[in-house]
Amino acid sequence: MNEGWFAFGRNLLQALVQKPGVYEVADKEGKTIFIGGGKNVRSCLERLLSDPDLCHVRQEAAMCHVEYRVDYQSHLQFKRMLFRDVFSYDPEGGAGED
């Protein structure tokens, strides 16, 4: 598994703290399939693990990388520019593709 990446699943939540940040979810090949972020990364990932509209992401997800950042909004925009074809979640605007 890639350095700084952790297995995706409910056990991941136990290791996370309630801080602002950005996260990437990747498939088993390491391809980024989802990008999200918010004021509380743990809460965002809990939503990802339970939202029925995001079940396609959960089915493909194998690993997750989290960056705790106070400037999560600008960093999330940066990540979206890098991965334009990746499904993402905006805490203010909801899920969507950029």
Protein backbone atom coordinates (compact mmCIF):
# COMPACT_ATOMS: atom_id res chain seq x y z
CA MET A 1 0.00 0.00 0.00
CA ASN A 2 1.20 3.53 -0.75
CA GLU A 3 2.91 5.52 2.01
CA GLY A 4 0.44 7.67 3.93
CA TRP A 5 -2.53 5.69 2.65
CA PHE A 6 -4.75 3.55 4.85
CA ALA A 7 -7.29 0.83 4.21
CA PHE A 8 -10.69 2.33 3.45
CA GLY A 9 -13.52 1.33 5.77
CA ARG A 10 -15.17 1.94 9.12
CA ASN A 11 -11.94 1.12 10.99
CA LEU A 12 -10.35 4.16 9.34
CA LEU A 13 -12.74 6.44 11.24
CA GLN A 14 -11.31 5.39 14.60
CA ALA A 15 -7.90 6.77 13.59
CA LEU A 16 -9.21 10.15 12.45
CA VAL A 17 -9.62 13.30 14.50
CA GLN A 18 -12.26 15.98 14.05
CA LYS A 19 -10.20 18.57 12.18
CA PRO A 20 -10.53 20.34 8.83
CA GLY A 21 -8.86 18.74 5.88
CA VAL A 22 -8.96 17.06 2.50
CA TYR A 23 -9.08 13.36 1.68
CA GLU A 24 -8.56 11.21 -1.39
CA VAL A 25 -10.04 7.77 -1.87
CA ALA A 26 -8.36 5.36 -4.30
CA ASP A 27 -9.14 1.98 -5.80
CA LYS A 28 -6.96 -1.11 -5.35
CA GLU A 29 -4.69 0.01 -8.23
CA GLY A 30 -4.08 3.34 -6.50
CA LYS A 31 -6.18 5.43 -8.91
CA THR A 32 -7.93 8.32 -7.17
CA ILE A 33 -11.68 7.84 -7.47
CA PHE A 34 -13.04 10.40 -4.99
CA ILE A 35 -11.91 13.68 -3.46
CA GLY A 36 -13.57 15.42 -0.55
CA GLY A 37 -12.96 17.75 2.32
CA GLY A 38 -14.54 19.83 5.01
CA LYS A 39 -14.36 21.36 8.45
CA ASN A 40 -14.44 17.88 9.99
CA VAL A 41 -12.76 15.16 7.88
CA ARG A 42 -14.02 12.38 10.11
CA SER A 43 -17.60 13.52 9.67
CA CYS A 44 -17.11 13.79 5.89
CA LEU A 45 -15.81 10.23 5.68
CA GLU A 46 -18.65 8.97 7.90
CA ARG A 47 -21.04 10.50 5.36
CA LEU A 48 -19.16 8.84 2.50
CA LEU A 49 -19.44 5.47 4.25
CA SER A 50 -23.20 5.80 4.77
CA ASP A 51 -24.65 7.94 1.93
CA PRO A 52 -26.66 5.70 -0.46
CA ASP A 53 -25.88 8.06 -3.36
CA LEU A 54 -22.16 7.28 -2.94
CA CYS A 55 -22.36 3.47 -2.86
CA HIS A 56 -20.47 3.27 -6.19
CA VAL A 57 -17.49 4.95 -4.50
CA ARG A 58 -17.58 2.54 -1.55
CA GLN A 59 -17.66 -0.47 -3.88
CA GLU A 60 -14.43 0.61 -5.60
CA ALA A 61 -12.65 2.16 -2.60
CA ALA A 62 -9.61 0.36 -1.23
CA MET A 63 -7.52 3.06 0.44
CA CYS A 64 -7.72 6.60 1.74
CA HIS A 65 -5.26 9.44 2.32
CA VAL A 66 -6.10 12.34 4.67
CA GLU A 67 -4.40 15.72 4.92
CA TYR A 68 -5.43 17.85 7.88
CA ARG A 69 -5.40 21.47 6.70
CA VAL A 70 -6.95 24.66 7.97
CA ASP A 71 -6.95 25.87 4.34
CA TYR A 72 -8.92 22.82 3.21
CA GLN A 73 -11.16 24.81 0.83
CA SER A 74 -8.33 26.11 -1.34
CA HIS A 75 -6.51 22.75 -1.19
CA LEU A 76 -9.70 20.94 -2.20
CA GLN A 77 -10.00 23.25 -5.22
CA PHE A 78 -6.38 22.48 -6.10
CA LYS A 79 -6.97 18.72 -5.87
CA ARG A 80 -10.05 19.06 -8.07
CA MET A 81 -7.99 20.80 -10.72
CA LEU A 82 -5.45 17.96 -10.63
CA PHE A 83 -8.14 15.28 -10.84
CA ARG A 84 -10.84 16.85 -13.03
CA ASP A 85 -12.46 13.54 -13.91
CA VAL A 86 -12.82 12.38 -10.30
CA PHE A 87 -16.09 12.48 -8.35
CA SER A 88 -15.83 14.93 -5.47
CA TYR A 89 -17.81 16.24 -2.54
CA ASP A 90 -18.21 19.88 -1.62
CA PRO A 91 -19.49 20.32 1.95
CA GLU A 92 -21.32 23.50 0.95
CA GLY A 93 -22.65 22.34 -2.41
CA GLY A 94 -23.06 18.57 -2.13
CA ALA A 95 -21.77 15.80 -4.34
CA GLY A 96 -21.00 16.37 -7.98
CA GLU A 97 -18.53 15.90 -10.76
CA ASP A 98 -16.23 18.69 -11.80
